[in-house]
Amino acid sequence: MIRRVLIIEDNVDIARLVKLHLHDIHCTADIVTDGRVGLEQFKQQRYDLVILDLMLPGLDGLEVCKALRAEPGYVPILMLTAKTTELDRVLGLEVGADDYLTKPFSIPELLARIKALLRRVDALNARAVNAANLNETLKFKTLTIDNSKRQVHVGEREVNLTAKEFELLLHFANHPGRVYTRTQLLDQVWGYSHDGYEHTVNSHINRLRAKIEADPAQPLHILTVWGVGYKFNDNNL
């Protein structure tokens, strides 16, 4: 299967290099060097993945990412950034990016991340079809997860989750009581496991708790298993 990728990157040399290597994993790519133009290009074509630079003329990567997430349908977004602070990375994830790479990056890691994102979206699509057929809804006391609509409610209040936060919550909810290490969560939810990225799991769980827990300091749903990792509270069944 040939996948279509939109590269929104103002460094033409980097964009062309990425496009060249995308052919190795059976992807074609269009290159746009302006954020606003890239957003319009996305609206006119169907893409399987977007590679998005953070610093762009016209419209910066964060604004483009937010606009892409407002569009119907779900397309994975891999953000590229020359900034290295955790705040910059968290901002990208908060507005809807699925993953990020800091420049300079290696081509093998880039391709591994892209393949992981494409595998995950294939799995999500298959799961969405199954969920639609089964009308699958998971309920845990005050927490309700509608898999087919990708909606979460705490009581009567709808909770807005990023794509990755939803996947993480759904993964926990589908395996209540099972303890996962950070490395296992990276592998099973993010689709890759690299040393040094465990903080990604921590930051996502902290944000998820802030959204679904009445008291994030005393969580009722996603529990910390000290010295091991995390689990979904099976007493909520």
C-alpha atoms as a PDB file:
ATOM      1  CA  MET A   1       0.000   0.000   0.000  1.00  0.00           C
ATOM      2  CA  ILE A   2       1.315   3.432  -0.979  1.00  0.00           C
ATOM      3  CA  ARG A   3       0.823   6.096   1.723  1.00  0.00           C
ATOM      4  CA  ARG A   4       0.602   9.827   1.062  1.00  0.00           C
ATOM      5  CA  VAL A   5       2.545  12.149   3.341  1.00  0.00           C
ATOM      6  CA  LEU A   6       2.408  15.929   3.574  1.00  0.00           C
ATOM      7  CA  ILE A   7       5.725  17.515   4.596  1.00  0.00           C
ATOM      8  CA  ILE A   8       5.327  21.074   5.914  1.00  0.00           C
ATOM      9  CA  GLU A   9       8.936  22.193   6.356  1.00  0.00           C
ATOM     10  CA  ASP A  10      10.587  25.460   5.322  1.00  0.00           C
ATOM     11  CA  ASN A  11      14.082  23.939   5.119  1.00  0.00           C
ATOM     12  CA  VAL A  12      13.971  22.631   1.564  1.00  0.00           C
ATOM     13  CA  ASP A  13      17.058  20.455   1.966  1.00  0.00           C
ATOM     14  CA  ILE A  14      15.574  18.648   4.974  1.00  0.00           C
ATOM     15  CA  ALA A  15      12.193  18.293   3.262  1.00  0.00           C
ATOM     16  CA  ARG A  16      13.742  16.793   0.113  1.00  0.00           C
ATOM     17  CA  LEU A  17      15.879  14.402   2.153  1.00  0.00           C
ATOM     18  CA  VAL A  18      12.837  13.203   4.085  1.00  0.00           C
ATOM     19  CA  LYS A  19      10.840  12.819   0.873  1.00  0.00           C
ATOM     20  CA  LEU A  20      13.636  10.788  -0.701  1.00  0.00           C
ATOM     21  CA  HIS A  21      13.769   8.318   2.188  1.00  0.00           C
ATOM     22  CA  LEU A  22       9.991   8.055   2.458  1.00  0.00           C
ATOM     23  CA  HIS A  23      10.108   6.127  -0.799  1.00  0.00           C
ATOM     24  CA  ASP A  24      12.001   3.408   1.094  1.00  0.00           C
ATOM     25  CA  ILE A  25       8.889   2.699   3.161  1.00  0.00           C
ATOM     26  CA  HIS A  26       6.434   2.993   0.257  1.00  0.00           C
ATOM     27  CA  CYS A  27       5.322   6.567   0.846  1.00  0.00           C
ATOM     28  CA  THR A  28       4.876   9.417  -1.601  1.00  0.00           C
ATOM     29  CA  ALA A  29       5.162  12.985  -0.327  1.00  0.00           C
ATOM     30  CA  ASP A  30       4.220  16.555  -1.140  1.00  0.00           C
ATOM     31  CA  ILE A  31       6.392  19.381   0.187  1.00  0.00           C
ATOM     32  CA  VAL A  32       5.061  22.758   1.360  1.00  0.00           C
ATOM     33  CA  THR A  33       7.346  25.388   2.910  1.00  0.00           C
ATOM     34  CA  ASP A  34       4.711  27.725   4.416  1.00  0.00           C
ATOM     35  CA  GLY A  35       2.385  26.916   7.317  1.00  0.00           C
ATOM     36  CA  ARG A  36      -0.713  28.604   5.928  1.00  0.00           C
ATOM     37  CA  VAL A  37      -0.215  27.085   2.482  1.00  0.00           C
ATOM     38  CA  GLY A  38       0.374  23.693   4.081  1.00  0.00           C
ATOM     39  CA  LEU A  39      -2.945  23.900   5.890  1.00  0.00           C
ATOM     40  CA  GLU A  40      -4.749  24.703   2.638  1.00  0.00           C
ATOM     41  CA  GLN A  41      -2.939  21.850   0.886  1.00  0.00           C
ATOM     42  CA  PHE A  42      -4.098  19.455   3.602  1.00  0.00           C
ATOM     43  CA  LYS A  43      -7.715  20.532   3.123  1.00  0.00           C
ATOM     44  CA  GLN A  44      -7.568  19.873  -0.604  1.00  0.00           C
ATOM     45  CA  GLN A  45      -5.939  16.419  -0.570  1.00  0.00           C
ATOM     46  CA  ARG A  46      -6.176  13.187   1.419  1.00  0.00           C
ATOM     47  CA  TYR A  47      -3.047  12.366   3.400  1.00  0.00           C
ATOM     48  CA  ASP A  48      -2.130   9.445   5.629  1.00  0.00           C
ATOM     49  CA  LEU A  49       0.411  11.384   7.713  1.00  0.00           C
ATOM     50  CA  VAL A  50       1.702  14.935   8.215  1.00  0.00           C
ATOM     51  CA  ILE A  51       5.311  15.787   9.023  1.00  0.00           C
ATOM     52  CA  LEU A  52       5.161  19.277  10.502  1.00  0.00           C
ATOM     53  CA  ASP A  53       7.970  21.670  11.384  1.00  0.00           C
ATOM     54  CA  LEU A  54       7.461  23.796  14.484  1.00  0.00           C
ATOM     55  CA  MET A  55       9.004  27.010  13.156  1.00  0.00           C
ATOM     56  CA  LEU A  56       7.284  28.018   9.894  1.00  0.00           C
ATOM     57  CA  PRO A  57       6.578  31.207   7.951  1.00  0.00           C
ATOM     58  CA  GLY A  58       2.953  32.205   7.426  1.00  0.00           C
ATOM     59  CA  LEU A  59       1.587  30.165  10.339  1.00  0.00           C
ATOM     60  CA  ASP A  60       3.709  28.407  12.950  1.00  0.00           C
ATOM     61  CA  GLY A  61       3.598  24.673  13.524  1.00  0.00           C
ATOM     62  CA  LEU A  62       1.549  24.846  16.722  1.00  0.00           C
ATOM     63  CA  GLU A  63      -1.208  26.843  15.015  1.00  0.00           C
ATOM     64  CA  VAL A  64      -1.143  24.535  11.998  1.00  0.00           C
ATOM     65  CA  CYS A  65      -1.371  21.504  14.310  1.00  0.00           C
ATOM     66  CA  LYS A  66      -4.381  22.930  16.129  1.00  0.00           C
ATOM     67  CA  ALA A  67      -6.073  23.689  12.805  1.00  0.00           C
ATOM     68  CA  LEU A  68      -5.367  20.188  11.497  1.00  0.00           C
ATOM     69  CA  ARG A  69      -6.924  18.674  14.603  1.00  0.00           C
ATOM     70  CA  ALA A  70     -10.054  20.770  14.014  1.00  0.00           C
ATOM     71  CA  GLU A  71     -10.491  19.107  10.613  1.00  0.00           C
ATOM     72  CA  PRO A  72     -12.746  16.027  10.342  1.00  0.00           C
ATOM     73  CA  GLY A  73     -11.044  12.654  10.481  1.00  0.00           C
ATOM     74  CA  TYR A  74      -7.835  11.666  12.194  1.00  0.00           C
ATOM     75  CA  VAL A  75      -4.414  11.901  10.562  1.00  0.00           C
ATOM     76  CA  PRO A  76      -1.230  11.276  12.579  1.00  0.00           C
ATOM     77  CA  ILE A  77       1.101  14.268  12.975  1.00  0.00           C
ATOM     78  CA  LEU A  78       4.856  13.973  13.505  1.00  0.00           C
ATOM     79  CA  MET A  79       6.301  17.297  14.627  1.00  0.00           C
ATOM     80  CA  LEU A  80       9.872  18.352  13.873  1.00  0.00           C
ATOM     81  CA  THR A  81      11.484  20.947  16.090  1.00  0.00           C
ATOM     82  CA  ALA A  82      14.867  22.560  16.498  1.00  0.00           C
ATOM     83  CA  LYS A  83      13.870  23.502  20.035  1.00  0.00           C
ATOM     84  CA  THR A  84      14.944  21.122  22.761  1.00  0.00           C
ATOM     85  CA  THR A  85      13.152  22.229  25.921  1.00  0.00           C
ATOM     86  CA  GLU A  86      10.539  19.904  27.372  1.00  0.00           C
ATOM     87  CA  LEU A  87       8.010  22.762  27.352  1.00  0.00           C
ATOM     88  CA  ASP A  88       8.245  23.045  23.571  1.00  0.00           C
ATOM     89  CA  ARG A  89       7.734  19.316  23.164  1.00  0.00           C
ATOM     90  CA  VAL A  90       4.808  19.262  25.596  1.00  0.00           C
ATOM     91  CA  LEU A  91       3.137  22.172  23.779  1.00  0.00           C
ATOM     92  CA  GLY A  92       3.303  20.227  20.546  1.00  0.00           C
ATOM     93  CA  LEU A  93       1.759  17.163  22.161  1.00  0.00           C
ATOM     94  CA  GLU A  94      -0.888  19.272  23.912  1.00  0.00           C
ATOM     95  CA  VAL A  95      -2.199  20.752  20.653  1.00  0.00           C
ATOM     96  CA  GLY A  96      -2.498  17.329  19.050  1.00  0.00           C
ATOM     97  CA  ALA A  97       0.844  16.131  17.673  1.00  0.00           C
ATOM     98  CA  ASP A  98       1.245  12.374  18.003  1.00  0.00           C
ATOM     99  CA  ASP A  99       5.013  12.348  18.193  1.00  0.00           C
ATOM    100  CA  TYR A 100       8.003  14.630  17.774  1.00  0.00           C
ATOM    101  CA  LEU A 101      11.626  14.549  16.678  1.00  0.00           C
ATOM    102  CA  THR A 102      14.250  17.102  17.599  1.00  0.00           C
ATOM    103  CA  LYS A 103      16.604  18.308  14.869  1.00  0.00           C
ATOM    104  CA  PRO A 104      19.092  17.046  13.967  1.00  0.00           C
ATOM    105  CA  PHE A 105      17.569  13.570  13.756  1.00  0.00           C
ATOM    106  CA  SER A 106      18.678  10.313  12.192  1.00  0.00           C
ATOM    107  CA  ILE A 107      16.851   9.005   9.136  1.00  0.00           C
ATOM    108  CA  PRO A 108      16.450   5.472  10.594  1.00  0.00           C
ATOM    109  CA  GLU A 109      14.730   6.891  13.690  1.00  0.00           C
ATOM    110  CA  LEU A 110      12.515   9.123  11.548  1.00  0.00           C
ATOM    111  CA  LEU A 111      11.406   6.171   9.421  1.00  0.00           C
ATOM    112  CA  ALA A 112      10.845   4.031  12.525  1.00  0.00           C
ATOM    113  CA  ARG A 113       8.624   6.706  14.048  1.00  0.00           C
ATOM    114  CA  ILE A 114       6.656   7.091  10.801  1.00  0.00           C
ATOM    115  CA  LYS A 115       6.115   3.340  10.457  1.00  0.00           C
ATOM    116  CA  ALA A 116       4.972   3.159  14.086  1.00  0.00           C
ATOM    117  CA  LEU A 117       2.461   5.972  13.543  1.00  0.00           C
ATOM    118  CA  LEU A 118       1.083   4.334  10.397  1.00  0.00           C
ATOM    119  CA  ARG A 119       0.775   0.958  12.139  1.00  0.00           C
ATOM    120  CA  ARG A 120      -1.045   2.597  14.999  1.00  0.00           C
ATOM    121  CA  VAL A 121      -3.524   4.422  12.805  1.00  0.00           C
ATOM    122  CA  ASP A 122      -4.230   1.161  10.949  1.00  0.00           C
ATOM    123  CA  ALA A 123      -4.928  -0.508  14.292  1.00  0.00           C
ATOM    124  CA  LEU A 124      -7.129   2.404  15.377  1.00  0.00           C
ATOM    125  CA  ASN A 125      -9.134   2.237  12.177  1.00  0.00           C
ATOM    126  CA  ALA A 126      -9.644  -1.493  12.569  1.00  0.00           C
ATOM    127  CA  ARG A 127     -10.636  -1.042  16.198  1.00  0.00           C
ATOM    128  CA  ALA A 128     -13.017   1.778  15.286  1.00  0.00           C
ATOM    129  CA  VAL A 129     -14.753  -0.472  12.763  1.00  0.00           C
ATOM    130  CA  ASN A 130     -15.096  -3.228  15.345  1.00  0.00           C
ATOM    131  CA  ALA A 131     -16.277  -0.769  17.962  1.00  0.00           C
ATOM    132  CA  ALA A 132     -18.876   0.679  15.611  1.00  0.00           C
ATOM    133  CA  ASN A 133     -20.160  -2.809  14.892  1.00  0.00           C
ATOM    134  CA  LEU A 134     -20.259  -3.677  18.586  1.00  0.00           C
ATOM    135  CA  ASN A 135     -21.338  -0.217  19.778  1.00  0.00           C
ATOM    136  CA  GLU A 136     -18.586  -0.597  22.355  1.00  0.00           C
ATOM    137  CA  THR A 137     -18.835   1.589  25.439  1.00  0.00           C
ATOM    138  CA  LEU A 138     -16.717   1.062  28.537  1.00  0.00           C
ATOM    139  CA  LYS A 139     -18.099   2.231  31.900  1.00  0.00           C
ATOM    140  CA  PHE A 140     -16.219   2.523  35.176  1.00  0.00           C
ATOM    141  CA  LYS A 141     -18.299   4.160  37.900  1.00  0.00           C
ATOM    142  CA  THR A 142     -18.237   7.867  36.925  1.00  0.00           C
ATOM    143  CA  LEU A 143     -15.990   7.335  33.855  1.00  0.00           C
ATOM    144  CA  THR A 144     -17.472   6.431  30.453  1.00  0.00           C
ATOM    145  CA  ILE A 145     -15.399   5.760  27.336  1.00  0.00           C
ATOM    146  CA  ASP A 146     -17.208   5.600  23.996  1.00  0.00           C
ATOM    147  CA  ASN A 147     -14.741   3.842  21.714  1.00  0.00           C
ATOM    148  CA  SER A 148     -16.701   4.308  18.490  1.00  0.00           C
ATOM    149  CA  LYS A 149     -17.136   8.079  18.984  1.00  0.00           C
ATOM    150  CA  ARG A 150     -13.772   8.508  20.752  1.00  0.00           C
ATOM    151  CA  GLN A 151     -15.526  10.408  23.525  1.00  0.00           C
ATOM    152  CA  VAL A 152     -14.909  10.368  27.271  1.00  0.00           C
ATOM    153  CA  HIS A 153     -17.291  11.536  29.997  1.00  0.00           C
ATOM    154  CA  VAL A 154     -16.752  11.987  33.708  1.00  0.00           C
ATOM    155  CA  GLY A 155     -20.276  11.960  35.041  1.00  0.00           C
ATOM    156  CA  GLU A 156     -22.214  14.215  32.657  1.00  0.00           C
ATOM    157  CA  ARG A 157     -19.143  16.263  31.715  1.00  0.00           C
ATOM    158  CA  GLU A 158     -17.435  15.530  28.394  1.00  0.00           C
ATOM    159  CA  VAL A 159     -13.642  15.527  28.654  1.00  0.00           C
ATOM    160  CA  ASN A 160     -11.566  16.712  25.707  1.00  0.00           C
ATOM    161  CA  LEU A 161      -8.559  14.438  25.233  1.00  0.00           C
ATOM    162  CA  THR A 162      -5.794  14.551  22.670  1.00  0.00           C
ATOM    163  CA  ALA A 163      -5.509  11.542  20.359  1.00  0.00           C
ATOM    164  CA  LYS A 164      -2.641  10.099  22.369  1.00  0.00           C
ATOM    165  CA  GLU A 165      -4.355  10.681  25.726  1.00  0.00           C
ATOM    166  CA  PHE A 166      -7.423   8.828  24.436  1.00  0.00           C
ATOM    167  CA  GLU A 167      -5.321   5.904  23.191  1.00  0.00           C
ATOM    168  CA  LEU A 168      -3.491   5.712  26.510  1.00  0.00           C
ATOM    169  CA  LEU A 169      -6.724   5.757  28.524  1.00  0.00           C
ATOM    170  CA  LEU A 170      -8.345   3.180  26.249  1.00  0.00           C
ATOM    171  CA  HIS A 171      -5.326   0.908  26.551  1.00  0.00           C
ATOM    172  CA  PHE A 172      -5.512   1.038  30.347  1.00  0.00           C
ATOM    173  CA  ALA A 173      -9.294   0.579  30.364  1.00  0.00           C
ATOM    174  CA  ASN A 174      -9.096  -2.484  28.126  1.00  0.00           C
ATOM    175  CA  HIS A 175      -6.676  -4.121  30.597  1.00  0.00           C
ATOM    176  CA  PRO A 176      -7.890  -3.187  34.111  1.00  0.00           C
ATOM    177  CA  GLY A 177      -5.611  -4.322  36.899  1.00  0.00           C
ATOM    178  CA  ARG A 178      -2.664  -5.074  34.645  1.00  0.00           C
ATOM    179  CA  VAL A 179       0.531  -3.244  35.570  1.00  0.00           C
ATOM    180  CA  TYR A 180       2.546  -1.654  32.761  1.00  0.00           C
ATOM    181  CA  THR A 181       6.047  -0.281  32.899  1.00  0.00           C
ATOM    182  CA  ARG A 182       6.776   2.981  31.083  1.00  0.00           C
ATOM    183  CA  THR A 183       8.742   1.062  28.475  1.00  0.00           C
ATOM    184  CA  GLN A 184       5.798  -1.273  27.833  1.00  0.00           C
ATOM    185  CA  LEU A 185       3.442   1.686  27.442  1.00  0.00           C
ATOM    186  CA  LEU A 186       5.812   3.341  24.967  1.00  0.00           C
ATOM    187  CA  ASP A 187       5.939   0.136  22.957  1.00  0.00           C
ATOM    188  CA  GLN A 188       2.230  -0.683  23.037  1.00  0.00           C
ATOM    189  CA  VAL A 189       0.650   2.789  22.846  1.00  0.00           C
ATOM    190  CA  TRP A 190       3.285   4.874  21.063  1.00  0.00           C
ATOM    191  CA  GLY A 191       4.541   1.989  18.943  1.00  0.00           C
ATOM    192  CA  TYR A 192       8.220   2.405  19.784  1.00  0.00           C
ATOM    193  CA  SER A 193      10.530   2.132  22.755  1.00  0.00           C
ATOM    194  CA  HIS A 194      13.680   4.228  23.113  1.00  0.00           C
ATOM    195  CA  ASP A 195      15.773   4.876  26.191  1.00  0.00           C
ATOM    196  CA  GLY A 196      15.207   8.336  27.601  1.00  0.00           C
ATOM    197  CA  TYR A 197      11.616   8.757  26.420  1.00  0.00           C
ATOM    198  CA  GLU A 198       9.920   7.460  29.577  1.00  0.00           C
ATOM    199  CA  HIS A 199       9.195  11.083  30.572  1.00  0.00           C
ATOM    200  CA  THR A 200       6.737  11.153  27.645  1.00  0.00           C
ATOM    201  CA  VAL A 201       4.618   8.558  29.459  1.00  0.00           C
ATOM    202  CA  ASN A 202       4.823  10.481  32.727  1.00  0.00           C
ATOM    203  CA  SER A 203       3.723  13.775  31.178  1.00  0.00           C
ATOM    204  CA  HIS A 204       0.791  12.159  29.345  1.00  0.00           C
ATOM    205  CA  ILE A 205      -0.411  10.375  32.489  1.00  0.00           C
ATOM    206  CA  ASN A 206      -0.167  13.601  34.498  1.00  0.00           C
ATOM    207  CA  ARG A 207      -2.264  15.470  31.920  1.00  0.00           C
ATOM    208  CA  LEU A 208      -4.738  12.593  31.666  1.00  0.00           C
ATOM    209  CA  ARG A 209      -5.180  12.509  35.436  1.00  0.00           C
ATOM    210  CA  ALA A 210      -5.749  16.264  35.489  1.00  0.00           C
ATOM    211  CA  LYS A 211      -8.633  15.776  33.071  1.00  0.00           C
ATOM    212  CA  ILE A 212     -10.382  12.653  34.411  1.00  0.00           C
ATOM    213  CA  GLU A 213      -9.611  12.558  38.132  1.00  0.00           C
ATOM    214  CA  ALA A 214     -11.532  14.559  40.729  1.00  0.00           C
ATOM    215  CA  ASP A 215      -8.243  14.899  42.638  1.00  0.00           C
ATOM    216  CA  PRO A 216      -5.189  14.172  40.447  1.00  0.00           C
ATOM    217  CA  ALA A 217      -3.040  13.881  43.590  1.00  0.00           C
ATOM    218  CA  GLN A 218      -5.288  11.022  44.770  1.00  0.00           C
ATOM    219  CA  PRO A 219      -6.236   9.276  41.501  1.00  0.00           C
ATOM    220  CA  LEU A 220      -9.076   6.781  41.406  1.00  0.00           C
ATOM    221  CA  HIS A 221      -8.619   5.465  37.857  1.00  0.00           C
ATOM    222  CA  ILE A 222      -4.951   5.422  36.792  1.00  0.00           C
ATOM    223  CA  LEU A 223      -2.868   4.275  39.718  1.00  0.00           C
ATOM    224  CA  THR A 224       0.878   4.383  40.265  1.00  0.00           C
ATOM    225  CA  VAL A 225       2.506   1.086  41.176  1.00  0.00           C
ATOM    226  CA  TRP A 226       5.635   2.351  42.879  1.00  0.00           C
ATOM    227  CA  GLY A 227       8.874   1.047  41.443  1.00  0.00           C
ATOM    228  CA  VAL A 228       7.085  -0.610  38.515  1.00  0.00           C
ATOM    229  CA  GLY A 229       4.737   1.622  36.521  1.00  0.00           C
ATOM    230  CA  TYR A 230       0.998   2.214  36.248  1.00  0.00           C
ATOM    231  CA  LYS A 231      -2.281   0.321  36.141  1.00  0.00           C
ATOM    232  CA  PHE A 232      -5.994   0.982  35.675  1.00  0.00           C
ATOM    233  CA  ASN A 233      -7.938   0.511  38.909  1.00  0.00           C
ATOM    234  CA  ASP A 234      -9.823  -2.793  38.598  1.00  0.00           C
ATOM    235  CA  ASN A 235     -11.930  -1.894  41.635  1.00  0.00           C
ATOM    236  CA  ASN A 236     -13.797   0.542  39.352  1.00  0.00           C
ATOM    237  CA  LEU A 237     -15.503  -2.290  37.467  1.00  0.00           C
END
